[in-house]
Amino acid sequence: MALFTPNIAIDLGTVNVLVHAQGRGVVLQEPSVVAIQEDGSKTIIVEVGRAAKEMYGRTSEDLEVMRPLRDGVIADYFVTQSMLGYFIGKVSGRIQLRRPIVMISVPYGVTSVERRAVKEAALAAGAREVHLIPEPLAAAIGAGLPIGTPTGNMVVDMGGGSTEAAVISVNGIVCAESVRVGGVHLDEAIIGYIRKKYNLVVGEPTAEAIKIKIGSAIELDSELEMQVQGRDQVAGLPKTITIRSGEVVEALAEPLTAIVNVVRAVLAKTPPELSSDIIDRGMALTGGGALLREIDTLLTRETGVPAYVADNPIACTALGAGKALAELPILQRSIPDL
């Protein structure tokens, strides 16, 4: 790489954006949320990232707080471009001797149109050169799996917008499946459950707090509970209830079944030689969803394959994309369109 060329790897997620700068590690982790204001036919970016997330559900009608990515792909091109420009500028600094070379993770199985949209958005945001890497591959590299060897390595990347399971060998994805169920859908399941059972309306930030504080994939030995505030659907007034971890398990049952099914589908397609490696080594869980209590226990129980949570699961994809950018010539031999 040329002197003074900043090399940046971006995990462009539905919920969070993580940026890895070569030689510095993960230097930025912010919500992929943008606050926008419509001024006639013009869209004005008001806030990006953490500042925008703090406005969520607390703004007037003329200010919209949105996620420009949905299910891991671009839903709003202009807003995504502005968000990428903001994050690239924040990491590279305002005075750039050279525009950065950027590696961006994209969901496995995205269409050529979706790939082109990500590339064009990054180029318009200030990148000099853009490479795209499938998220499961980046996650596996970041989790420290020996993907360059002729052995089976399995990774389950549970992001905000989708969950992807893949078997990787010799720097390539042998088989993979994805389902558009992730952290956002778990939050929505909690919102729906509380509305149905308690006639209480809660927002996404509250549902996310419930998931983090007392959420679990299976029943816990000692039950957790927390107070939840929302708006009573019948009276229209503020109301406080107490919710228990067992109820959250019940709420999350349906989306978690979809995640289990996608893992089973990949295991069913895995060549027998690689299956034996996976049974010996287990499957690595990455992404924010891997932090849900007992998710490893649920997947082990439902598939018969040992599951374990990778070190620093949220940062795995960004770390892996950064390592892939440093080893680009080696990886391009087995992945020509990287």
C-alpha atoms as a PDB file:
ATOM      1  CA  MET A   1       0.000   0.000   0.000  1.00  0.00           C
ATOM      2  CA  ALA A   2       1.215   3.505  -0.805  1.00  0.00           C
ATOM      3  CA  LEU A   3       2.686   5.712   1.901  1.00  0.00           C
ATOM      4  CA  PHE A   4       0.169   7.910   3.772  1.00  0.00           C
ATOM      5  CA  THR A   5      -2.772   5.932   2.389  1.00  0.00           C
ATOM      6  CA  PRO A   6      -5.226   5.302   5.245  1.00  0.00           C
ATOM      7  CA  ASN A   7      -6.726   1.818   5.061  1.00  0.00           C
ATOM      8  CA  ILE A   8     -10.166   1.567   6.639  1.00  0.00           C
ATOM      9  CA  ALA A   9     -12.467  -1.422   7.187  1.00  0.00           C
ATOM     10  CA  ILE A  10     -16.155  -0.795   7.860  1.00  0.00           C
ATOM     11  CA  ASP A  11     -18.728  -3.155   9.352  1.00  0.00           C
ATOM     12  CA  LEU A  12     -21.799  -1.473   7.873  1.00  0.00           C
ATOM     13  CA  GLY A  13     -24.561  -2.870  10.071  1.00  0.00           C
ATOM     14  CA  THR A  14     -28.283  -2.245  10.405  1.00  0.00           C
ATOM     15  CA  VAL A  15     -27.868  -1.232  14.067  1.00  0.00           C
ATOM     16  CA  ASN A  16     -24.187  -0.251  14.455  1.00  0.00           C
ATOM     17  CA  VAL A  17     -21.304   0.895  12.274  1.00  0.00           C
ATOM     18  CA  LEU A  18     -17.818  -0.157  13.382  1.00  0.00           C
ATOM     19  CA  VAL A  19     -14.701   1.242  11.737  1.00  0.00           C
ATOM     20  CA  HIS A  20     -11.263  -0.410  11.888  1.00  0.00           C
ATOM     21  CA  ALA A  21      -8.213   1.666  10.966  1.00  0.00           C
ATOM     22  CA  GLN A  22      -5.035  -0.211  10.042  1.00  0.00           C
ATOM     23  CA  GLY A  23      -2.511  -0.133  12.866  1.00  0.00           C
ATOM     24  CA  ARG A  24      -5.052   1.386  15.282  1.00  0.00           C
ATOM     25  CA  GLY A  25      -7.714  -1.335  15.667  1.00  0.00           C
ATOM     26  CA  VAL A  26     -11.435  -0.557  16.010  1.00  0.00           C
ATOM     27  CA  VAL A  27     -11.491   3.217  16.360  1.00  0.00           C
ATOM     28  CA  LEU A  28     -15.220   3.922  16.044  1.00  0.00           C
ATOM     29  CA  GLN A  29     -18.459   2.232  17.058  1.00  0.00           C
ATOM     30  CA  GLU A  30     -21.626   4.247  16.589  1.00  0.00           C
ATOM     31  CA  PRO A  31     -25.304   3.518  15.923  1.00  0.00           C
ATOM     32  CA  SER A  32     -26.181   3.499  12.205  1.00  0.00           C
ATOM     33  CA  VAL A  33     -28.894   6.071  12.824  1.00  0.00           C
ATOM     34  CA  VAL A  34     -29.381   9.432  11.085  1.00  0.00           C
ATOM     35  CA  ALA A  35     -31.665  12.350  11.981  1.00  0.00           C
ATOM     36  CA  ILE A  36     -32.999  14.071   8.845  1.00  0.00           C
ATOM     37  CA  GLN A  37     -35.201  17.044   8.070  1.00  0.00           C
ATOM     38  CA  GLU A  38     -37.092  17.585   4.823  1.00  0.00           C
ATOM     39  CA  ASP A  39     -36.809  21.096   3.417  1.00  0.00           C
ATOM     40  CA  GLY A  40     -39.026  21.073   0.333  1.00  0.00           C
ATOM     41  CA  SER A  41     -37.386  18.627  -2.087  1.00  0.00           C
ATOM     42  CA  LYS A  42     -34.093  18.720  -0.152  1.00  0.00           C
ATOM     43  CA  THR A  43     -33.065  16.335   2.653  1.00  0.00           C
ATOM     44  CA  ILE A  44     -30.941  17.912   5.388  1.00  0.00           C
ATOM     45  CA  ILE A  45     -28.785  15.705   7.637  1.00  0.00           C
ATOM     46  CA  VAL A  46     -29.212  17.017  11.198  1.00  0.00           C
ATOM     47  CA  GLU A  47     -27.291  14.450  13.273  1.00  0.00           C
ATOM     48  CA  VAL A  48     -25.480  11.137  12.674  1.00  0.00           C
ATOM     49  CA  GLY A  49     -24.688   8.201  14.965  1.00  0.00           C
ATOM     50  CA  ARG A  50     -24.945   8.442  18.752  1.00  0.00           C
ATOM     51  CA  ALA A  51     -26.384  11.971  18.769  1.00  0.00           C
ATOM     52  CA  ALA A  52     -29.119  10.887  16.325  1.00  0.00           C
ATOM     53  CA  LYS A  53     -29.969   7.768  18.366  1.00  0.00           C
ATOM     54  CA  GLU A  54     -30.517   9.890  21.488  1.00  0.00           C
ATOM     55  CA  MET A  55     -33.260  11.719  19.533  1.00  0.00           C
ATOM     56  CA  TYR A  56     -35.076   8.453  18.667  1.00  0.00           C
ATOM     57  CA  GLY A  57     -38.775   8.704  19.583  1.00  0.00           C
ATOM     58  CA  ARG A  58     -38.256  12.168  21.097  1.00  0.00           C
ATOM     59  CA  THR A  59     -38.542  14.482  18.065  1.00  0.00           C
ATOM     60  CA  SER A  60     -41.252  16.618  16.487  1.00  0.00           C
ATOM     61  CA  GLU A  61     -42.976  15.573  13.256  1.00  0.00           C
ATOM     62  CA  ASP A  62     -40.670  17.592  10.958  1.00  0.00           C
ATOM     63  CA  LEU A  63     -37.560  15.728  12.195  1.00  0.00           C
ATOM     64  CA  GLU A  64     -37.218  12.041  11.321  1.00  0.00           C
ATOM     65  CA  VAL A  65     -34.774   9.655  12.977  1.00  0.00           C
ATOM     66  CA  MET A  66     -34.128   6.702  10.669  1.00  0.00           C
ATOM     67  CA  ARG A  67     -31.915   3.701   9.964  1.00  0.00           C
ATOM     68  CA  PRO A  68     -30.666   4.058   6.367  1.00  0.00           C
ATOM     69  CA  LEU A  69     -29.872   0.325   6.261  1.00  0.00           C
ATOM     70  CA  ARG A  70     -32.510  -2.372   6.534  1.00  0.00           C
ATOM     71  CA  ASP A  71     -31.760  -6.097   6.865  1.00  0.00           C
ATOM     72  CA  GLY A  72     -28.092  -5.302   6.247  1.00  0.00           C
ATOM     73  CA  VAL A  73     -28.592  -3.588   2.860  1.00  0.00           C
ATOM     74  CA  ILE A  74     -29.059   0.044   1.808  1.00  0.00           C
ATOM     75  CA  ALA A  75     -32.647   1.276   2.145  1.00  0.00           C
ATOM     76  CA  ASP A  76     -31.870   4.974   1.548  1.00  0.00           C
ATOM     77  CA  TYR A  77     -28.902   5.670  -0.745  1.00  0.00           C
ATOM     78  CA  PHE A  78     -28.446   9.408  -0.084  1.00  0.00           C
ATOM     79  CA  VAL A  79     -28.624   9.089   3.708  1.00  0.00           C
ATOM     80  CA  THR A  80     -26.248   6.068   3.703  1.00  0.00           C
ATOM     81  CA  GLN A  81     -23.758   8.012   1.589  1.00  0.00           C
ATOM     82  CA  SER A  82     -23.911  10.968   4.012  1.00  0.00           C
ATOM     83  CA  MET A  83     -23.506   8.640   7.016  1.00  0.00           C
ATOM     84  CA  LEU A  84     -20.501   6.883   5.430  1.00  0.00           C
ATOM     85  CA  GLY A  85     -18.927  10.245   4.577  1.00  0.00           C
ATOM     86  CA  TYR A  86     -19.356  11.375   8.187  1.00  0.00           C
ATOM     87  CA  PHE A  87     -17.740   8.223   9.638  1.00  0.00           C
ATOM     88  CA  ILE A  88     -14.908   8.079   7.059  1.00  0.00           C
ATOM     89  CA  GLY A  89     -14.147  11.768   7.717  1.00  0.00           C
ATOM     90  CA  LYS A  90     -14.215  11.204  11.483  1.00  0.00           C
ATOM     91  CA  VAL A  91     -11.637   8.396  11.251  1.00  0.00           C
ATOM     92  CA  SER A  92      -9.425   9.821   8.469  1.00  0.00           C
ATOM     93  CA  GLY A  93      -9.458  13.416   9.699  1.00  0.00           C
ATOM     94  CA  ARG A  94     -10.495  16.459   7.737  1.00  0.00           C
ATOM     95  CA  ILE A  95      -7.090  16.943   6.096  1.00  0.00           C
ATOM     96  CA  GLN A  96      -6.413  13.838   4.006  1.00  0.00           C
ATOM     97  CA  LEU A  97      -3.185  13.472   2.028  1.00  0.00           C
ATOM     98  CA  ARG A  98      -4.799  10.640   0.099  1.00  0.00           C
ATOM     99  CA  ARG A  99      -8.329   9.323  -0.028  1.00  0.00           C
ATOM    100  CA  PRO A 100      -8.697   6.050   1.902  1.00  0.00           C
ATOM    101  CA  ILE A 101      -8.862   2.500   0.580  1.00  0.00           C
ATOM    102  CA  VAL A 102     -11.972   0.983   2.169  1.00  0.00           C
ATOM    103  CA  MET A 103     -13.109  -2.604   2.846  1.00  0.00           C
ATOM    104  CA  ILE A 104     -16.823  -2.927   3.641  1.00  0.00           C
ATOM    105  CA  SER A 105     -18.612  -6.037   4.892  1.00  0.00           C
ATOM    106  CA  VAL A 106     -21.859  -6.939   3.108  1.00  0.00           C
ATOM    107  CA  PRO A 107     -24.372  -9.717   3.854  1.00  0.00           C
ATOM    108  CA  TYR A 108     -23.801 -13.045   2.104  1.00  0.00           C
ATOM    109  CA  GLY A 109     -26.001 -13.433  -0.940  1.00  0.00           C
ATOM    110  CA  VAL A 110     -26.626  -9.724  -1.625  1.00  0.00           C
ATOM    111  CA  THR A 111     -27.563  -8.984  -5.225  1.00  0.00           C
ATOM    112  CA  SER A 112     -25.181  -7.323  -7.687  1.00  0.00           C
ATOM    113  CA  VAL A 113     -27.406  -4.200  -7.522  1.00  0.00           C
ATOM    114  CA  GLU A 114     -27.066  -4.068  -3.716  1.00  0.00           C
ATOM    115  CA  ARG A 115     -23.283  -4.585  -3.976  1.00  0.00           C
ATOM    116  CA  ARG A 116     -22.998  -1.785  -6.510  1.00  0.00           C
ATOM    117  CA  ALA A 117     -25.073   0.532  -4.289  1.00  0.00           C
ATOM    118  CA  VAL A 118     -22.664  -0.004  -1.345  1.00  0.00           C
ATOM    119  CA  LYS A 119     -19.598   0.552  -3.569  1.00  0.00           C
ATOM    120  CA  GLU A 120     -21.001   3.707  -5.151  1.00  0.00           C
ATOM    121  CA  ALA A 121     -22.084   5.119  -1.769  1.00  0.00           C
ATOM    122  CA  ALA A 122     -18.568   4.579  -0.342  1.00  0.00           C
ATOM    123  CA  LEU A 123     -16.871   6.121  -3.399  1.00  0.00           C
ATOM    124  CA  ALA A 124     -19.207   9.134  -3.245  1.00  0.00           C
ATOM    125  CA  ALA A 125     -18.464   9.390   0.502  1.00  0.00           C
ATOM    126  CA  GLY A 126     -14.737   9.874  -0.184  1.00  0.00           C
ATOM    127  CA  ALA A 127     -13.171   6.425  -0.653  1.00  0.00           C
ATOM    128  CA  ARG A 128     -10.491   6.058  -3.333  1.00  0.00           C
ATOM    129  CA  GLU A 129     -10.919   2.317  -3.748  1.00  0.00           C
ATOM    130  CA  VAL A 130     -13.657   0.052  -2.344  1.00  0.00           C
ATOM    131  CA  HIS A 131     -13.560  -3.706  -1.698  1.00  0.00           C
ATOM    132  CA  LEU A 132     -16.495  -5.751  -0.402  1.00  0.00           C
ATOM    133  CA  ILE A 133     -16.210  -8.846   1.792  1.00  0.00           C
ATOM    134  CA  PRO A 134     -19.057 -11.226   2.785  1.00  0.00           C
ATOM    135  CA  GLU A 135     -19.921 -10.727   6.468  1.00  0.00           C
ATOM    136  CA  PRO A 136     -19.570 -14.409   7.498  1.00  0.00           C
ATOM    137  CA  LEU A 137     -16.055 -14.516   6.031  1.00  0.00           C
ATOM    138  CA  ALA A 138     -15.024 -11.291   7.797  1.00  0.00           C
ATOM    139  CA  ALA A 139     -16.595 -12.527  11.059  1.00  0.00           C
ATOM    140  CA  ALA A 140     -14.714 -15.836  10.833  1.00  0.00           C
ATOM    141  CA  ILE A 141     -11.387 -14.024  10.270  1.00  0.00           C
ATOM    142  CA  GLY A 142     -12.136 -11.669  13.180  1.00  0.00           C
ATOM    143  CA  ALA A 143     -13.043 -14.606  15.434  1.00  0.00           C
ATOM    144  CA  GLY A 144      -9.597 -16.089  14.768  1.00  0.00           C
ATOM    145  CA  LEU A 145     -10.769 -19.187  12.857  1.00  0.00           C
ATOM    146  CA  PRO A 146      -8.082 -20.811  10.651  1.00  0.00           C
ATOM    147  CA  ILE A 147     -10.012 -20.151   7.416  1.00  0.00           C
ATOM    148  CA  GLY A 148      -6.935 -20.578   5.178  1.00  0.00           C
ATOM    149  CA  THR A 149      -6.613 -24.290   6.046  1.00  0.00           C
ATOM    150  CA  PRO A 150      -8.485 -27.165   4.333  1.00  0.00           C
ATOM    151  CA  THR A 151     -10.639 -27.769   7.422  1.00  0.00           C
ATOM    152  CA  GLY A 152     -14.264 -26.911   8.182  1.00  0.00           C
ATOM    153  CA  ASN A 153     -14.887 -23.727  10.174  1.00  0.00           C
ATOM    154  CA  MET A 154     -18.414 -22.669  11.027  1.00  0.00           C
ATOM    155  CA  VAL A 155     -19.500 -19.169  11.996  1.00  0.00           C
ATOM    156  CA  VAL A 156     -22.962 -17.844  12.881  1.00  0.00           C
ATOM    157  CA  ASP A 157     -23.021 -14.059  12.541  1.00  0.00           C
ATOM    158  CA  MET A 158     -26.044 -12.585  14.337  1.00  0.00           C
ATOM    159  CA  GLY A 159     -26.374  -8.953  13.328  1.00  0.00           C
ATOM    160  CA  GLY A 160     -29.047  -6.334  13.802  1.00  0.00           C
ATOM    161  CA  GLY A 161     -30.858  -6.967  10.510  1.00  0.00           C
ATOM    162  CA  SER A 162     -29.995 -10.557   9.593  1.00  0.00           C
ATOM    163  CA  THR A 163     -28.394 -13.779  10.805  1.00  0.00           C
ATOM    164  CA  GLU A 164     -25.952 -15.640   8.578  1.00  0.00           C
ATOM    165  CA  ALA A 165     -24.508 -19.094   9.092  1.00  0.00           C
ATOM    166  CA  ALA A 166     -21.595 -20.263   6.941  1.00  0.00           C
ATOM    167  CA  VAL A 167     -19.048 -23.047   6.639  1.00  0.00           C
ATOM    168  CA  ILE A 168     -15.650 -21.763   5.487  1.00  0.00           C
ATOM    169  CA  SER A 169     -12.622 -23.669   4.201  1.00  0.00           C
ATOM    170  CA  VAL A 170      -9.498 -22.575   2.266  1.00  0.00           C
ATOM    171  CA  ASN A 171     -10.501 -18.867   2.350  1.00  0.00           C
ATOM    172  CA  GLY A 172     -13.850 -19.551   0.711  1.00  0.00           C
ATOM    173  CA  ILE A 173     -17.474 -19.995   1.763  1.00  0.00           C
ATOM    174  CA  VAL A 174     -18.416 -23.640   1.091  1.00  0.00           C
ATOM    175  CA  CYS A 175     -22.074 -23.235   2.012  1.00  0.00           C
ATOM    176  CA  ALA A 176     -24.096 -20.533   3.711  1.00  0.00           C
ATOM    177  CA  GLU A 177     -27.648 -19.490   4.485  1.00  0.00           C
ATOM    178  CA  SER A 178     -29.082 -16.256   5.795  1.00  0.00           C
ATOM    179  CA  VAL A 179     -32.374 -15.193   7.307  1.00  0.00           C
ATOM    180  CA  ARG A 180     -33.525 -11.611   7.706  1.00  0.00           C
ATOM    181  CA  VAL A 181     -33.964 -11.996  11.445  1.00  0.00           C
ATOM    182  CA  GLY A 182     -31.628 -10.140  13.801  1.00  0.00           C
ATOM    183  CA  GLY A 183     -31.462  -7.913  16.855  1.00  0.00           C
ATOM    184  CA  VAL A 184     -34.033  -5.432  15.484  1.00  0.00           C
ATOM    185  CA  HIS A 185     -36.536  -8.274  14.998  1.00  0.00           C
ATOM    186  CA  LEU A 186     -35.934  -9.510  18.559  1.00  0.00           C
ATOM    187  CA  ASP A 187     -36.763  -5.974  19.786  1.00  0.00           C
ATOM    188  CA  GLU A 188     -39.937  -5.961  17.655  1.00  0.00           C
ATOM    189  CA  ALA A 189     -40.972  -9.343  19.118  1.00  0.00           C
ATOM    190  CA  ILE A 190     -40.633  -7.903  22.650  1.00  0.00           C
ATOM    191  CA  ILE A 191     -42.688  -4.820  21.671  1.00  0.00           C
ATOM    192  CA  GLY A 192     -45.442  -7.044  20.212  1.00  0.00           C
ATOM    193  CA  TYR A 193     -45.485  -9.357  23.244  1.00  0.00           C
ATOM    194  CA  ILE A 194     -45.814  -6.483  25.765  1.00  0.00           C
ATOM    195  CA  ARG A 195     -48.524  -4.810  23.692  1.00  0.00           C
ATOM    196  CA  LYS A 196     -50.507  -8.052  23.452  1.00  0.00           C
ATOM    197  CA  LYS A 197     -50.103  -9.198  27.070  1.00  0.00           C
ATOM    198  CA  TYR A 198     -50.141  -5.896  28.963  1.00  0.00           C
ATOM    199  CA  ASN A 199     -51.828  -3.442  26.545  1.00  0.00           C
ATOM    200  CA  LEU A 200     -48.670  -1.365  26.950  1.00  0.00           C
ATOM    201  CA  VAL A 201     -46.932   0.490  24.124  1.00  0.00           C
ATOM    202  CA  VAL A 202     -43.129   0.676  24.448  1.00  0.00           C
ATOM    203  CA  GLY A 203     -40.556   2.004  21.987  1.00  0.00           C
ATOM    204  CA  GLU A 204     -37.542   0.330  20.382  1.00  0.00           C
ATOM    205  CA  PRO A 205     -35.003   1.732  22.884  1.00  0.00           C
ATOM    206  CA  THR A 206     -37.048   0.281  25.787  1.00  0.00           C
ATOM    207  CA  ALA A 207     -37.353  -3.107  24.049  1.00  0.00           C
ATOM    208  CA  GLU A 208     -33.595  -3.147  23.429  1.00  0.00           C
ATOM    209  CA  ALA A 209     -32.954  -2.343  27.111  1.00  0.00           C
ATOM    210  CA  ILE A 210     -35.234  -5.250  28.151  1.00  0.00           C
ATOM    211  CA  LYS A 211     -33.366  -7.629  25.798  1.00  0.00           C
ATOM    212  CA  ILE A 212     -29.955  -6.561  27.158  1.00  0.00           C
ATOM    213  CA  LYS A 213     -30.861  -6.462  30.868  1.00  0.00           C
ATOM    214  CA  ILE A 214     -33.053  -9.553  31.285  1.00  0.00           C
ATOM    215  CA  GLY A 215     -33.288 -11.224  27.845  1.00  0.00           C
ATOM    216  CA  SER A 216     -32.387 -14.892  27.424  1.00  0.00           C
ATOM    217  CA  ALA A 217     -32.695 -17.606  24.760  1.00  0.00           C
ATOM    218  CA  ILE A 218     -33.793 -20.251  27.319  1.00  0.00           C
ATOM    219  CA  GLU A 219     -35.255 -20.228  30.830  1.00  0.00           C
ATOM    220  CA  LEU A 220     -32.717 -19.109  33.454  1.00  0.00           C
ATOM    221  CA  ASP A 221     -32.135 -20.871  36.785  1.00  0.00           C
ATOM    222  CA  SER A 222     -32.656 -17.627  38.688  1.00  0.00           C
ATOM    223  CA  GLU A 223     -35.202 -15.407  36.980  1.00  0.00           C
ATOM    224  CA  LEU A 224     -34.424 -11.740  36.324  1.00  0.00           C
ATOM    225  CA  GLU A 225     -36.946  -8.918  36.309  1.00  0.00           C
ATOM    226  CA  MET A 226     -37.121  -5.204  35.531  1.00  0.00           C
ATOM    227  CA  GLN A 227     -39.590  -2.330  35.659  1.00  0.00           C
ATOM    228  CA  VAL A 228     -40.825  -1.140  32.271  1.00  0.00           C
ATOM    229  CA  GLN A 229     -42.550   2.146  31.567  1.00  0.00           C
ATOM    230  CA  GLY A 230     -44.777   2.820  28.572  1.00  0.00           C
ATOM    231  CA  ARG A 231     -48.156   4.119  27.476  1.00  0.00           C
ATOM    232  CA  ASP A 232     -51.345   2.247  28.347  1.00  0.00           C
ATOM    233  CA  GLN A 233     -53.175   1.441  25.090  1.00  0.00           C
ATOM    234  CA  VAL A 234     -56.604   1.663  26.698  1.00  0.00           C
ATOM    235  CA  ALA A 235     -56.290   4.686  29.008  1.00  0.00           C
ATOM    236  CA  GLY A 236     -53.617   6.454  26.951  1.00  0.00           C
ATOM    237  CA  LEU A 237     -51.723   7.286  30.160  1.00  0.00           C
ATOM    238  CA  PRO A 238     -48.188   6.406  31.344  1.00  0.00           C
ATOM    239  CA  LYS A 239     -48.004   3.051  33.125  1.00  0.00           C
ATOM    240  CA  THR A 240     -45.294   0.935  34.777  1.00  0.00           C
ATOM    241  CA  ILE A 241     -45.189  -2.882  34.755  1.00  0.00           C
ATOM    242  CA  THR A 242     -42.714  -5.523  35.953  1.00  0.00           C
ATOM    243  CA  ILE A 243     -41.507  -7.959  33.298  1.00  0.00           C
ATOM    244  CA  ARG A 244     -39.582 -11.181  33.950  1.00  0.00           C
ATOM    245  CA  SER A 245     -36.902 -12.973  31.924  1.00  0.00           C
ATOM    246  CA  GLY A 246     -39.227 -15.976  31.417  1.00  0.00           C
ATOM    247  CA  GLU A 247     -41.649 -13.705  29.558  1.00  0.00           C
ATOM    248  CA  VAL A 248     -38.830 -12.413  27.336  1.00  0.00           C
ATOM    249  CA  VAL A 249     -37.883 -16.044  26.521  1.00  0.00           C
ATOM    250  CA  GLU A 250     -41.506 -16.576  25.446  1.00  0.00           C
ATOM    251  CA  ALA A 251     -41.471 -13.370  23.363  1.00  0.00           C
ATOM    252  CA  LEU A 252     -38.260 -14.331  21.542  1.00  0.00           C
ATOM    253  CA  ALA A 253     -39.239 -17.946  20.791  1.00  0.00           C
ATOM    254  CA  GLU A 254     -40.391 -17.327  17.196  1.00  0.00           C
ATOM    255  CA  PRO A 255     -37.422 -15.277  15.873  1.00  0.00           C
ATOM    256  CA  LEU A 256     -34.955 -17.593  17.665  1.00  0.00           C
ATOM    257  CA  THR A 257     -36.577 -20.619  15.961  1.00  0.00           C
ATOM    258  CA  ALA A 258     -35.863 -18.950  12.598  1.00  0.00           C
ATOM    259  CA  ILE A 259     -32.203 -18.526  13.618  1.00  0.00           C
ATOM    260  CA  VAL A 260     -31.950 -22.183  14.715  1.00  0.00           C
ATOM    261  CA  ASN A 261     -33.495 -23.280  11.390  1.00  0.00           C
ATOM    262  CA  VAL A 262     -30.930 -21.344   9.338  1.00  0.00           C
ATOM    263  CA  VAL A 263     -28.088 -23.020  11.278  1.00  0.00           C
ATOM    264  CA  ARG A 264     -29.677 -26.439  10.720  1.00  0.00           C
ATOM    265  CA  ALA A 265     -30.054 -25.708   6.985  1.00  0.00           C
ATOM    266  CA  VAL A 266     -26.302 -25.000   6.664  1.00  0.00           C
ATOM    267  CA  LEU A 267     -25.359 -28.109   8.644  1.00  0.00           C
ATOM    268  CA  ALA A 268     -27.611 -30.173   6.340  1.00  0.00           C
ATOM    269  CA  LYS A 269     -25.739 -28.868   3.259  1.00  0.00           C
ATOM    270  CA  THR A 270     -22.221 -29.255   4.701  1.00  0.00           C
ATOM    271  CA  PRO A 271     -20.013 -31.931   3.024  1.00  0.00           C
ATOM    272  CA  PRO A 272     -19.399 -34.896   5.383  1.00  0.00           C
ATOM    273  CA  GLU A 273     -15.616 -34.294   5.542  1.00  0.00           C
ATOM    274  CA  LEU A 274     -16.177 -30.780   6.846  1.00  0.00           C
ATOM    275  CA  SER A 275     -19.037 -31.832   9.171  1.00  0.00           C
ATOM    276  CA  SER A 276     -16.658 -33.914  11.284  1.00  0.00           C
ATOM    277  CA  ASP A 277     -14.341 -30.879  11.655  1.00  0.00           C
ATOM    278  CA  ILE A 278     -17.263 -28.714  12.782  1.00  0.00           C
ATOM    279  CA  ILE A 279     -18.394 -31.275  15.384  1.00  0.00           C
ATOM    280  CA  ASP A 280     -14.811 -31.296  16.761  1.00  0.00           C
ATOM    281  CA  ARG A 281     -14.280 -27.517  16.646  1.00  0.00           C
ATOM    282  CA  GLY A 282     -17.820 -26.245  17.235  1.00  0.00           C
ATOM    283  CA  MET A 283     -19.412 -23.138  15.741  1.00  0.00           C
ATOM    284  CA  ALA A 284     -18.315 -19.598  16.588  1.00  0.00           C
ATOM    285  CA  LEU A 285     -21.076 -17.086  17.375  1.00  0.00           C
ATOM    286  CA  THR A 286     -20.396 -13.471  16.390  1.00  0.00           C
ATOM    287  CA  GLY A 287     -22.374 -10.225  16.146  1.00  0.00           C
ATOM    288  CA  GLY A 288     -24.432  -8.427  18.776  1.00  0.00           C
ATOM    289  CA  GLY A 289     -26.979 -11.271  18.904  1.00  0.00           C
ATOM    290  CA  ALA A 290     -24.281 -13.567  20.322  1.00  0.00           C
ATOM    291  CA  LEU A 291     -24.476 -11.535  23.565  1.00  0.00           C
ATOM    292  CA  LEU A 292     -28.036 -12.755  24.264  1.00  0.00           C
ATOM    293  CA  ARG A 293     -27.877 -14.926  27.377  1.00  0.00           C
ATOM    294  CA  GLU A 294     -27.725 -18.690  26.720  1.00  0.00           C
ATOM    295  CA  ILE A 295     -27.911 -18.392  22.902  1.00  0.00           C
ATOM    296  CA  ASP A 296     -24.914 -20.764  22.711  1.00  0.00           C
ATOM    297  CA  THR A 297     -26.730 -23.271  24.942  1.00  0.00           C
ATOM    298  CA  LEU A 298     -29.865 -23.089  22.756  1.00  0.00           C
ATOM    299  CA  LEU A 299     -27.937 -23.694  19.501  1.00  0.00           C
ATOM    300  CA  THR A 300     -25.917 -26.546  21.052  1.00  0.00           C
ATOM    301  CA  ARG A 301     -29.108 -28.192  22.301  1.00  0.00           C
ATOM    302  CA  GLU A 302     -31.039 -27.770  19.029  1.00  0.00           C
ATOM    303  CA  THR A 303     -28.268 -28.798  16.586  1.00  0.00           C
ATOM    304  CA  GLY A 304     -26.035 -31.184  18.550  1.00  0.00           C
ATOM    305  CA  VAL A 305     -22.996 -29.107  17.532  1.00  0.00           C
ATOM    306  CA  PRO A 306     -21.093 -27.259  20.287  1.00  0.00           C
ATOM    307  CA  ALA A 307     -21.553 -23.479  20.014  1.00  0.00           C
ATOM    308  CA  TYR A 308     -19.379 -20.863  21.701  1.00  0.00           C
ATOM    309  CA  VAL A 309     -19.381 -17.066  21.755  1.00  0.00           C
ATOM    310  CA  ALA A 310     -16.298 -15.562  20.075  1.00  0.00           C
ATOM    311  CA  ASP A 311     -14.131 -13.021  21.915  1.00  0.00           C
ATOM    312  CA  ASN A 312     -15.528  -9.500  21.439  1.00  0.00           C
ATOM    313  CA  PRO A 313     -18.356 -10.755  19.136  1.00  0.00           C
ATOM    314  CA  ILE A 314     -19.600  -7.259  18.167  1.00  0.00           C
ATOM    315  CA  ALA A 315     -16.174  -6.262  16.771  1.00  0.00           C
ATOM    316  CA  CYS A 316     -15.402  -9.553  14.947  1.00  0.00           C
ATOM    317  CA  THR A 317     -16.648  -8.450  11.510  1.00  0.00           C
ATOM    318  CA  ALA A 318     -14.803  -5.098  11.618  1.00  0.00           C
ATOM    319  CA  LEU A 319     -11.583  -6.763  12.867  1.00  0.00           C
ATOM    320  CA  GLY A 320     -11.846  -9.462  10.190  1.00  0.00           C
ATOM    321  CA  ALA A 321     -12.479  -6.918   7.411  1.00  0.00           C
ATOM    322  CA  GLY A 322      -9.396  -4.998   8.605  1.00  0.00           C
ATOM    323  CA  LYS A 323      -7.241  -8.159   8.518  1.00  0.00           C
ATOM    324  CA  ALA A 324      -8.660  -9.027   5.064  1.00  0.00           C
ATOM    325  CA  LEU A 325      -7.657  -5.594   3.753  1.00  0.00           C
ATOM    326  CA  ALA A 326      -4.098  -6.159   5.013  1.00  0.00           C
ATOM    327  CA  GLU A 327      -3.989  -9.582   3.309  1.00  0.00           C
ATOM    328  CA  LEU A 328      -5.861  -8.571   0.154  1.00  0.00           C
ATOM    329  CA  PRO A 329      -3.507 -10.179  -2.443  1.00  0.00           C
ATOM    330  CA  ILE A 330      -3.690 -13.574  -0.663  1.00  0.00           C
ATOM    331  CA  LEU A 331      -7.479 -13.542  -0.316  1.00  0.00           C
ATOM    332  CA  GLN A 332      -8.046 -12.335  -3.893  1.00  0.00           C
ATOM    333  CA  ARG A 333      -6.530 -15.580  -5.193  1.00  0.00           C
ATOM    334  CA  SER A 334      -9.496 -17.529  -3.792  1.00  0.00           C
ATOM    335  CA  ILE A 335     -12.075 -14.687  -3.893  1.00  0.00           C
ATOM    336  CA  PRO A 336     -11.498 -12.839  -7.200  1.00  0.00           C
ATOM    337  CA  ASP A 337     -14.337 -10.309  -6.725  1.00  0.00           C
ATOM    338  CA  LEU A 338     -13.170  -9.193  -3.266  1.00  0.00           C
END
